[in-house]
Amino acid sequence: MRLLASLFALLLIAPLSMADETSPSPFEQDYAAMTVVDAALAEALAEEKRLLLVFGANWCHDSRGLAAHFQDAELADTLADHYVTRFIDVGWRDQNQDVIRRFGVAALYATPMVMVIDPADETLLNRDEREAWGRAASTPVEAARAYFARWAGDVPRAGGVVESSLIYQAMMIEVELFEDEEGDRLAAAYLDIGRWRALPEAERPENFMALNDEVDEWRRELPRQVDQQRSAARSMVINALTEIAGDEPVSADTVAVLDRQNPDLNLVFQPHQSERW
């Protein structure tokens, strides 16, 4: 029975491995990335298209999976008509950090990371959705078609009653500052891990694997905490507005009252605790 089970497992694994070998490998390491991005921005501006940057690596199953989706005929037409696309290699998340920072992001959390950029002012349009393709290989191509078709069009601006509150906006700035500070620390950790990984095993820190695991957990936990803080801020503001409004619907006048009152709504941030970073 064990032999049959092992053979069955191999049959399940084999198609995935074969698919990997046939997937495109578009991420080049010997690549002047910033120069390429400058040229791509100019091209996108001249052609009135969006710049699409895909940060990933050929070792990454999901990076290659997204590149495989890009070969779908319908999606390929969308990309050709609306985007200038470039693939940026990130090594072990330690390379081309200057390109990532150029568009206001301190560190990537997973590969691939996708940036949709307005070339006119270099605005990152999909900031809150840039990490959406971390499981691209297992995401249906239909989802990719819908995603890139949506970002090819007019980008809706967030504009509800809650978003109009100055209190809410200030809390969102707090979250962004926390993410930037933690992202800078995480990016520095990536550099160390990448440097140690390039060394012979005997020359790495004795606790290299523990440090590597720490950074992996950190990069997963940080976006979770950021999402939680955004949700907490929204809930706090909604509760405060509801309390002011009473039995009346929340309106722009309610928001004005809240902002004048300037209540003490505090978010609790938990920076990563590390003996190394």
C-alpha atoms as a PDB file:
ATOM      1  CA  MET A   1       0.000   0.000   0.000  1.00  0.00           C
ATOM      2  CA  ARG A   2       2.844   2.396   0.825  1.00  0.00           C
ATOM      3  CA  LEU A   3       4.400   1.749  -2.585  1.00  0.00           C
ATOM      4  CA  LEU A   4       1.102   2.457  -4.343  1.00  0.00           C
ATOM      5  CA  ALA A   5       0.660   5.625  -2.315  1.00  0.00           C
ATOM      6  CA  SER A   6       4.179   6.786  -3.219  1.00  0.00           C
ATOM      7  CA  LEU A   7       3.609   6.100  -6.905  1.00  0.00           C
ATOM      8  CA  PHE A   8       0.312   7.975  -6.782  1.00  0.00           C
ATOM      9  CA  ALA A   9       2.023  10.953  -5.126  1.00  0.00           C
ATOM     10  CA  LEU A  10       4.665  10.976  -7.848  1.00  0.00           C
ATOM     11  CA  LEU A  11       1.980  11.000 -10.519  1.00  0.00           C
ATOM     12  CA  LEU A  12       0.418  14.027  -8.863  1.00  0.00           C
ATOM     13  CA  ILE A  13       3.724  15.864  -8.568  1.00  0.00           C
ATOM     14  CA  ALA A  14       5.086  15.093 -12.041  1.00  0.00           C
ATOM     15  CA  PRO A  15       2.658  17.250 -14.088  1.00  0.00           C
ATOM     16  CA  LEU A  16       3.411  20.233 -11.863  1.00  0.00           C
ATOM     17  CA  SER A  17       7.159  19.782 -12.335  1.00  0.00           C
ATOM     18  CA  MET A  18       6.765  19.431 -16.085  1.00  0.00           C
ATOM     19  CA  ALA A  19       4.615  22.551 -16.182  1.00  0.00           C
ATOM     20  CA  ASP A  20       7.348  24.402 -14.297  1.00  0.00           C
ATOM     21  CA  GLU A  21       9.981  23.498 -16.856  1.00  0.00           C
ATOM     22  CA  THR A  22       7.852  24.736 -19.730  1.00  0.00           C
ATOM     23  CA  SER A  23       6.868  28.020 -18.044  1.00  0.00           C
ATOM     24  CA  PRO A  24       8.660  31.183 -19.225  1.00  0.00           C
ATOM     25  CA  SER A  25      11.675  32.465 -17.281  1.00  0.00           C
ATOM     26  CA  PRO A  26      11.637  36.202 -18.054  1.00  0.00           C
ATOM     27  CA  PHE A  27      13.631  37.540 -15.089  1.00  0.00           C
ATOM     28  CA  GLU A  28      17.184  38.497 -16.005  1.00  0.00           C
ATOM     29  CA  GLN A  29      19.852  39.016 -13.349  1.00  0.00           C
ATOM     30  CA  ASP A  30      22.393  40.912 -15.462  1.00  0.00           C
ATOM     31  CA  TYR A  31      20.036  43.806 -15.981  1.00  0.00           C
ATOM     32  CA  ALA A  32      20.389  47.574 -15.489  1.00  0.00           C
ATOM     33  CA  ALA A  33      16.902  47.713 -14.044  1.00  0.00           C
ATOM     34  CA  MET A  34      16.636  51.442 -13.343  1.00  0.00           C
ATOM     35  CA  THR A  35      17.765  52.303 -16.872  1.00  0.00           C
ATOM     36  CA  VAL A  36      15.217  49.862 -18.272  1.00  0.00           C
ATOM     37  CA  VAL A  37      12.473  51.407 -16.119  1.00  0.00           C
ATOM     38  CA  ASP A  38      13.388  54.933 -17.258  1.00  0.00           C
ATOM     39  CA  ALA A  39      13.101  53.873 -20.897  1.00  0.00           C
ATOM     40  CA  ALA A  40       9.861  51.987 -20.261  1.00  0.00           C
ATOM     41  CA  LEU A  41       8.309  55.026 -18.543  1.00  0.00           C
ATOM     42  CA  ALA A  42       9.161  57.183 -21.552  1.00  0.00           C
ATOM     43  CA  GLU A  43       7.710  54.569 -23.899  1.00  0.00           C
ATOM     44  CA  ALA A  44       4.502  54.267 -21.866  1.00  0.00           C
ATOM     45  CA  LEU A  45       4.078  58.034 -21.744  1.00  0.00           C
ATOM     46  CA  ALA A  46       4.594  58.396 -25.493  1.00  0.00           C
ATOM     47  CA  GLU A  47       2.136  55.575 -26.262  1.00  0.00           C
ATOM     48  CA  GLU A  48      -0.399  56.701 -23.619  1.00  0.00           C
ATOM     49  CA  LYS A  49      -0.213  53.362 -21.818  1.00  0.00           C
ATOM     50  CA  ARG A  50       0.379  52.286 -18.257  1.00  0.00           C
ATOM     51  CA  LEU A  51       3.723  50.947 -17.089  1.00  0.00           C
ATOM     52  CA  LEU A  52       3.458  47.412 -15.709  1.00  0.00           C
ATOM     53  CA  LEU A  53       6.389  46.234 -13.599  1.00  0.00           C
ATOM     54  CA  VAL A  54       6.497  42.619 -12.443  1.00  0.00           C
ATOM     55  CA  PHE A  55       9.031  42.045  -9.640  1.00  0.00           C
ATOM     56  CA  GLY A  56       9.952  38.399  -9.296  1.00  0.00           C
ATOM     57  CA  ALA A  57      12.546  35.724  -9.982  1.00  0.00           C
ATOM     58  CA  ASN A  58      12.948  32.640 -12.134  1.00  0.00           C
ATOM     59  CA  TRP A  59      13.292  30.452  -9.014  1.00  0.00           C
ATOM     60  CA  CYS A  60       9.788  31.505  -7.969  1.00  0.00           C
ATOM     61  CA  HIS A  61       6.992  29.183  -9.097  1.00  0.00           C
ATOM     62  CA  ASP A  62       4.399  31.976  -8.877  1.00  0.00           C
ATOM     63  CA  SER A  63       6.542  34.522 -10.748  1.00  0.00           C
ATOM     64  CA  ARG A  64       6.825  32.107 -13.644  1.00  0.00           C
ATOM     65  CA  GLY A  65       3.159  31.245 -13.264  1.00  0.00           C
ATOM     66  CA  LEU A  66       2.151  34.868 -13.806  1.00  0.00           C
ATOM     67  CA  ALA A  67       4.472  35.076 -16.807  1.00  0.00           C
ATOM     68  CA  ALA A  68       2.712  31.980 -18.172  1.00  0.00           C
ATOM     69  CA  HIS A  69      -0.669  33.702 -17.728  1.00  0.00           C
ATOM     70  CA  PHE A  70       0.696  36.593 -19.787  1.00  0.00           C
ATOM     71  CA  GLN A  71       0.919  34.205 -22.748  1.00  0.00           C
ATOM     72  CA  ASP A  72      -2.859  33.729 -22.740  1.00  0.00           C
ATOM     73  CA  ALA A  73      -4.167  35.240 -25.996  1.00  0.00           C
ATOM     74  CA  GLU A  74      -6.864  37.450 -24.435  1.00  0.00           C
ATOM     75  CA  LEU A  75      -4.606  38.707 -21.654  1.00  0.00           C
ATOM     76  CA  ALA A  76      -1.713  39.220 -24.075  1.00  0.00           C
ATOM     77  CA  ASP A  77      -3.947  41.493 -26.183  1.00  0.00           C
ATOM     78  CA  THR A  78      -4.891  43.526 -23.088  1.00  0.00           C
ATOM     79  CA  LEU A  79      -1.249  43.920 -22.119  1.00  0.00           C
ATOM     80  CA  ALA A  80      -0.193  44.894 -25.645  1.00  0.00           C
ATOM     81  CA  ASP A  81      -2.985  47.456 -25.998  1.00  0.00           C
ATOM     82  CA  HIS A  82      -2.757  49.100 -22.580  1.00  0.00           C
ATOM     83  CA  TYR A  83       0.607  48.419 -20.935  1.00  0.00           C
ATOM     84  CA  VAL A  84       4.334  48.615 -21.402  1.00  0.00           C
ATOM     85  CA  THR A  85       5.480  45.567 -19.433  1.00  0.00           C
ATOM     86  CA  ARG A  86       8.862  44.877 -17.859  1.00  0.00           C
ATOM     87  CA  PHE A  87      10.034  42.019 -15.637  1.00  0.00           C
ATOM     88  CA  ILE A  88      12.397  43.035 -12.814  1.00  0.00           C
ATOM     89  CA  ASP A  89      14.523  40.393 -11.090  1.00  0.00           C
ATOM     90  CA  VAL A  90      14.664  40.677  -7.284  1.00  0.00           C
ATOM     91  CA  GLY A  91      17.143  37.872  -6.591  1.00  0.00           C
ATOM     92  CA  TRP A  92      16.251  36.501  -3.157  1.00  0.00           C
ATOM     93  CA  ARG A  93      14.218  39.698  -2.549  1.00  0.00           C
ATOM     94  CA  ASP A  94      17.483  41.586  -2.048  1.00  0.00           C
ATOM     95  CA  GLN A  95      18.017  42.966  -5.578  1.00  0.00           C
ATOM     96  CA  ASN A  96      16.729  46.150  -7.274  1.00  0.00           C
ATOM     97  CA  GLN A  97      15.356  47.575  -4.060  1.00  0.00           C
ATOM     98  CA  ASP A  98      16.025  51.068  -5.442  1.00  0.00           C
ATOM     99  CA  VAL A  99      13.447  50.468  -8.188  1.00  0.00           C
ATOM    100  CA  ILE A 100      10.850  49.354  -5.654  1.00  0.00           C
ATOM    101  CA  ARG A 101      11.509  52.410  -3.463  1.00  0.00           C
ATOM    102  CA  ARG A 102      11.252  54.729  -6.458  1.00  0.00           C
ATOM    103  CA  PHE A 103       7.512  54.088  -6.484  1.00  0.00           C
ATOM    104  CA  GLY A 104       7.016  54.547  -2.760  1.00  0.00           C
ATOM    105  CA  VAL A 105       7.266  50.941  -1.571  1.00  0.00           C
ATOM    106  CA  ALA A 106       9.843  50.067   1.088  1.00  0.00           C
ATOM    107  CA  ALA A 107       9.929  46.299   0.548  1.00  0.00           C
ATOM    108  CA  LEU A 108       8.098  43.547  -1.260  1.00  0.00           C
ATOM    109  CA  TYR A 109       6.468  40.798   0.764  1.00  0.00           C
ATOM    110  CA  ALA A 110       6.099  38.067  -1.833  1.00  0.00           C
ATOM    111  CA  THR A 111       6.974  37.318  -5.434  1.00  0.00           C
ATOM    112  CA  PRO A 112       5.703  38.272  -7.856  1.00  0.00           C
ATOM    113  CA  MET A 113       4.791  41.815  -6.892  1.00  0.00           C
ATOM    114  CA  VAL A 114       2.953  43.765  -9.587  1.00  0.00           C
ATOM    115  CA  MET A 115       3.046  47.542  -9.977  1.00  0.00           C
ATOM    116  CA  VAL A 116       0.666  49.417 -12.292  1.00  0.00           C
ATOM    117  CA  ILE A 117       2.103  52.897 -12.777  1.00  0.00           C
ATOM    118  CA  ASP A 118       0.835  56.096 -14.364  1.00  0.00           C
ATOM    119  CA  PRO A 119       3.862  57.261 -16.398  1.00  0.00           C
ATOM    120  CA  ALA A 120       2.760  60.899 -16.308  1.00  0.00           C
ATOM    121  CA  ASP A 121       3.590  61.344 -12.625  1.00  0.00           C
ATOM    122  CA  GLU A 122       4.946  57.887 -11.666  1.00  0.00           C
ATOM    123  CA  THR A 123       1.968  57.277  -9.373  1.00  0.00           C
ATOM    124  CA  LEU A 124       1.593  53.673  -8.217  1.00  0.00           C
ATOM    125  CA  LEU A 125      -2.075  53.055  -8.988  1.00  0.00           C
ATOM    126  CA  ASN A 126      -2.592  49.607  -7.463  1.00  0.00           C
ATOM    127  CA  ARG A 127      -0.723  50.221  -4.206  1.00  0.00           C
ATOM    128  CA  ASP A 128      -3.173  48.279  -2.037  1.00  0.00           C
ATOM    129  CA  GLU A 129      -3.325  45.374  -4.530  1.00  0.00           C
ATOM    130  CA  ARG A 130       0.327  45.133  -5.544  1.00  0.00           C
ATOM    131  CA  GLU A 131       0.823  41.868  -3.625  1.00  0.00           C
ATOM    132  CA  ALA A 132      -2.280  40.186  -5.087  1.00  0.00           C
ATOM    133  CA  TRP A 133      -0.316  37.757  -7.294  1.00  0.00           C
ATOM    134  CA  GLY A 134       1.767  35.964  -4.683  1.00  0.00           C
ATOM    135  CA  ARG A 135      -0.106  32.762  -5.624  1.00  0.00           C
ATOM    136  CA  ALA A 136      -0.292  33.394  -9.342  1.00  0.00           C
ATOM    137  CA  ALA A 137       0.489  29.814 -10.373  1.00  0.00           C
ATOM    138  CA  SER A 138      -2.651  28.527  -8.650  1.00  0.00           C
ATOM    139  CA  THR A 139      -4.847  31.489  -9.655  1.00  0.00           C
ATOM    140  CA  PRO A 140      -7.047  30.953 -12.741  1.00  0.00           C
ATOM    141  CA  VAL A 141      -6.086  32.890 -15.833  1.00  0.00           C
ATOM    142  CA  GLU A 142      -9.616  34.329 -15.899  1.00  0.00           C
ATOM    143  CA  ALA A 143      -8.776  36.266 -12.717  1.00  0.00           C
ATOM    144  CA  ALA A 144      -5.654  37.675 -14.372  1.00  0.00           C
ATOM    145  CA  ARG A 145      -7.666  38.737 -17.420  1.00  0.00           C
ATOM    146  CA  ALA A 146     -10.152  40.603 -15.210  1.00  0.00           C
ATOM    147  CA  TYR A 147      -7.474  42.196 -13.019  1.00  0.00           C
ATOM    148  CA  PHE A 148      -5.368  43.676 -15.798  1.00  0.00           C
ATOM    149  CA  ALA A 149      -8.412  44.722 -17.825  1.00  0.00           C
ATOM    150  CA  ARG A 150      -9.694  46.613 -14.767  1.00  0.00           C
ATOM    151  CA  TRP A 151      -6.414  48.423 -14.126  1.00  0.00           C
ATOM    152  CA  ALA A 152      -6.105  49.293 -17.819  1.00  0.00           C
ATOM    153  CA  GLY A 153      -9.189  51.510 -17.496  1.00  0.00           C
ATOM    154  CA  ASP A 154     -10.028  54.479 -15.317  1.00  0.00           C
ATOM    155  CA  VAL A 155      -8.955  53.852 -11.730  1.00  0.00           C
ATOM    156  CA  PRO A 156     -11.760  54.575  -9.268  1.00  0.00           C
ATOM    157  CA  ARG A 157     -10.768  56.874  -6.448  1.00  0.00           C
ATOM    158  CA  ALA A 158     -11.726  55.913  -2.908  1.00  0.00           C
ATOM    159  CA  GLY A 159     -14.373  58.394  -1.874  1.00  0.00           C
ATOM    160  CA  GLY A 160     -16.909  57.315   0.727  1.00  0.00           C
ATOM    161  CA  VAL A 161     -18.093  59.211   3.773  1.00  0.00           C
ATOM    162  CA  VAL A 162     -15.540  57.509   5.998  1.00  0.00           C
ATOM    163  CA  GLU A 163     -12.685  58.282   3.589  1.00  0.00           C
ATOM    164  CA  SER A 164     -13.621  61.986   3.648  1.00  0.00           C
ATOM    165  CA  SER A 165     -12.864  62.230   7.366  1.00  0.00           C
ATOM    166  CA  LEU A 166      -9.614  63.980   8.228  1.00  0.00           C
ATOM    167  CA  ILE A 167      -9.371  61.755  11.301  1.00  0.00           C
ATOM    168  CA  TYR A 168      -9.529  58.651   9.113  1.00  0.00           C
ATOM    169  CA  GLN A 169      -6.997  60.075   6.660  1.00  0.00           C
ATOM    170  CA  ALA A 170      -4.586  60.863   9.513  1.00  0.00           C
ATOM    171  CA  MET A 171      -4.904  57.293  10.789  1.00  0.00           C
ATOM    172  CA  MET A 172      -4.163  55.948   7.306  1.00  0.00           C
ATOM    173  CA  ILE A 173      -1.014  58.075   7.243  1.00  0.00           C
ATOM    174  CA  GLU A 174       0.002  56.530  10.564  1.00  0.00           C
ATOM    175  CA  VAL A 175      -0.401  53.065   9.066  1.00  0.00           C
ATOM    176  CA  GLU A 176       1.617  54.042   5.983  1.00  0.00           C
ATOM    177  CA  LEU A 177       4.442  55.440   8.125  1.00  0.00           C
ATOM    178  CA  PHE A 178       4.528  52.261  10.199  1.00  0.00           C
ATOM    179  CA  GLU A 179       4.624  50.136   7.043  1.00  0.00           C
ATOM    180  CA  ASP A 180       7.416  52.262   5.572  1.00  0.00           C
ATOM    181  CA  GLU A 181       9.533  52.047   8.719  1.00  0.00           C
ATOM    182  CA  GLU A 182       9.050  48.300   9.076  1.00  0.00           C
ATOM    183  CA  GLY A 183       9.544  47.854   5.325  1.00  0.00           C
ATOM    184  CA  ASP A 184      12.925  49.598   5.526  1.00  0.00           C
ATOM    185  CA  ARG A 185      13.992  47.201   8.284  1.00  0.00           C
ATOM    186  CA  LEU A 186      12.719  44.204   6.323  1.00  0.00           C
ATOM    187  CA  ALA A 187      14.533  45.329   3.173  1.00  0.00           C
ATOM    188  CA  ALA A 188      17.773  45.571   5.176  1.00  0.00           C
ATOM    189  CA  ALA A 189      17.198  42.029   6.427  1.00  0.00           C
ATOM    190  CA  TYR A 190      16.733  40.845   2.819  1.00  0.00           C
ATOM    191  CA  LEU A 191      20.150  42.291   1.969  1.00  0.00           C
ATOM    192  CA  ASP A 192      21.778  40.379   4.817  1.00  0.00           C
ATOM    193  CA  ILE A 193      20.039  37.115   3.930  1.00  0.00           C
ATOM    194  CA  GLY A 194      21.003  37.516   0.267  1.00  0.00           C
ATOM    195  CA  ARG A 195      24.626  38.243   1.181  1.00  0.00           C
ATOM    196  CA  TRP A 196      24.853  35.250   3.513  1.00  0.00           C
ATOM    197  CA  ARG A 197      23.131  32.965   1.031  1.00  0.00           C
ATOM    198  CA  ALA A 198      25.874  33.758  -1.519  1.00  0.00           C
ATOM    199  CA  LEU A 199      28.592  32.608   0.904  1.00  0.00           C
ATOM    200  CA  PRO A 200      29.830  29.027   1.280  1.00  0.00           C
ATOM    201  CA  GLU A 201      27.758  27.300   3.942  1.00  0.00           C
ATOM    202  CA  ALA A 202      30.701  27.189   6.372  1.00  0.00           C
ATOM    203  CA  GLU A 203      31.015  30.994   6.257  1.00  0.00           C
ATOM    204  CA  ARG A 204      27.372  31.764   7.003  1.00  0.00           C
ATOM    205  CA  PRO A 205      26.227  32.668  10.515  1.00  0.00           C
ATOM    206  CA  GLU A 206      25.708  29.571  12.638  1.00  0.00           C
ATOM    207  CA  ASN A 207      22.046  30.484  13.041  1.00  0.00           C
ATOM    208  CA  PHE A 208      21.539  31.317   9.361  1.00  0.00           C
ATOM    209  CA  MET A 209      18.510  29.061   8.928  1.00  0.00           C
ATOM    210  CA  ALA A 210      16.862  30.537  12.027  1.00  0.00           C
ATOM    211  CA  LEU A 211      17.485  34.063  10.716  1.00  0.00           C
ATOM    212  CA  ASN A 212      16.152  33.086   7.296  1.00  0.00           C
ATOM    213  CA  ASP A 213      13.006  31.653   8.908  1.00  0.00           C
ATOM    214  CA  GLU A 214      12.606  34.802  10.992  1.00  0.00           C
ATOM    215  CA  VAL A 215      12.676  36.999   7.893  1.00  0.00           C
ATOM    216  CA  ASP A 216      10.206  34.714   6.102  1.00  0.00           C
ATOM    217  CA  GLU A 217       7.751  34.950   8.996  1.00  0.00           C
ATOM    218  CA  TRP A 218       8.324  38.728   9.250  1.00  0.00           C
ATOM    219  CA  ARG A 219       7.486  39.310   5.587  1.00  0.00           C
ATOM    220  CA  ARG A 220       4.252  37.346   6.017  1.00  0.00           C
ATOM    221  CA  GLU A 221       3.249  39.012   9.268  1.00  0.00           C
ATOM    222  CA  LEU A 222       3.858  42.635   8.253  1.00  0.00           C
ATOM    223  CA  PRO A 223       1.162  42.831   5.526  1.00  0.00           C
ATOM    224  CA  ARG A 224      -1.263  41.017   7.842  1.00  0.00           C
ATOM    225  CA  GLN A 225      -0.695  43.614  10.545  1.00  0.00           C
ATOM    226  CA  VAL A 226      -1.037  46.485   8.077  1.00  0.00           C
ATOM    227  CA  ASP A 227      -4.381  45.103   6.881  1.00  0.00           C
ATOM    228  CA  GLN A 228      -5.532  44.677  10.478  1.00  0.00           C
ATOM    229  CA  GLN A 229      -4.594  48.274  11.325  1.00  0.00           C
ATOM    230  CA  ARG A 230      -6.460  49.619   8.311  1.00  0.00           C
ATOM    231  CA  SER A 231      -9.548  47.640   9.315  1.00  0.00           C
ATOM    232  CA  ALA A 232      -9.223  48.800  12.918  1.00  0.00           C
ATOM    233  CA  ALA A 233      -8.959  52.442  11.848  1.00  0.00           C
ATOM    234  CA  ARG A 234     -12.038  52.148   9.684  1.00  0.00           C
ATOM    235  CA  SER A 235     -14.021  50.458  12.454  1.00  0.00           C
ATOM    236  CA  MET A 236     -13.017  53.133  14.988  1.00  0.00           C
ATOM    237  CA  VAL A 237     -14.085  55.958  12.690  1.00  0.00           C
ATOM    238  CA  ILE A 238     -17.363  54.248  11.741  1.00  0.00           C
ATOM    239  CA  ASN A 239     -18.183  53.691  15.422  1.00  0.00           C
ATOM    240  CA  ALA A 240     -17.398  57.313  16.261  1.00  0.00           C
ATOM    241  CA  LEU A 241     -19.526  58.588  13.359  1.00  0.00           C
ATOM    242  CA  THR A 242     -22.411  56.305  14.311  1.00  0.00           C
ATOM    243  CA  GLU A 243     -22.296  57.528  17.897  1.00  0.00           C
ATOM    244  CA  ILE A 244     -22.449  61.152  16.739  1.00  0.00           C
ATOM    245  CA  ALA A 245     -25.236  60.513  14.245  1.00  0.00           C
ATOM    246  CA  GLY A 246     -27.440  58.613  16.677  1.00  0.00           C
ATOM    247  CA  ASP A 247     -30.645  57.625  14.909  1.00  0.00           C
ATOM    248  CA  GLU A 248     -29.801  59.753  11.857  1.00  0.00           C
ATOM    249  CA  PRO A 249     -27.818  58.477   8.854  1.00  0.00           C
ATOM    250  CA  VAL A 250     -24.115  59.284   8.780  1.00  0.00           C
ATOM    251  CA  SER A 251     -23.503  62.249   6.476  1.00  0.00           C
ATOM    252  CA  ALA A 252     -20.902  64.830   5.535  1.00  0.00           C
ATOM    253  CA  ASP A 253     -22.152  66.931   8.466  1.00  0.00           C
ATOM    254  CA  THR A 254     -21.456  64.016  10.825  1.00  0.00           C
ATOM    255  CA  VAL A 255     -17.916  63.796   9.466  1.00  0.00           C
ATOM    256  CA  ALA A 256     -17.437  67.550  10.003  1.00  0.00           C
ATOM    257  CA  VAL A 257     -18.498  67.181  13.642  1.00  0.00           C
ATOM    258  CA  LEU A 258     -16.126  64.250  14.165  1.00  0.00           C
ATOM    259  CA  ASP A 259     -13.202  66.139  12.672  1.00  0.00           C
ATOM    260  CA  ARG A 260     -13.919  69.191  14.863  1.00  0.00           C
ATOM    261  CA  GLN A 261     -14.073  67.020  17.961  1.00  0.00           C
ATOM    262  CA  ASN A 262     -10.759  65.394  17.007  1.00  0.00           C
ATOM    263  CA  PRO A 263     -11.254  62.349  19.267  1.00  0.00           C
ATOM    264  CA  ASP A 264      -8.294  60.367  20.519  1.00  0.00           C
ATOM    265  CA  LEU A 265      -8.547  57.249  18.345  1.00  0.00           C
ATOM    266  CA  ASN A 266      -5.358  55.281  18.830  1.00  0.00           C
ATOM    267  CA  LEU A 267      -3.964  52.425  16.791  1.00  0.00           C
ATOM    268  CA  VAL A 268      -1.604  49.994  18.521  1.00  0.00           C
ATOM    269  CA  PHE A 269       1.386  49.091  16.375  1.00  0.00           C
ATOM    270  CA  GLN A 270       3.674  46.161  17.086  1.00  0.00           C
ATOM    271  CA  PRO A 271       7.076  46.511  15.385  1.00  0.00           C
ATOM    272  CA  HIS A 272       8.909  43.274  14.683  1.00  0.00           C
ATOM    273  CA  GLN A 273      11.078  42.258  17.616  1.00  0.00           C
ATOM    274  CA  SER A 274      14.488  41.019  16.502  1.00  0.00           C
ATOM    275  CA  GLU A 275      17.871  40.570  18.093  1.00  0.00           C
ATOM    276  CA  ARG A 276      19.541  41.001  14.695  1.00  0.00           C
ATOM    277  CA  TRP A 277      17.500  43.701  12.928  1.00  0.00           C
END
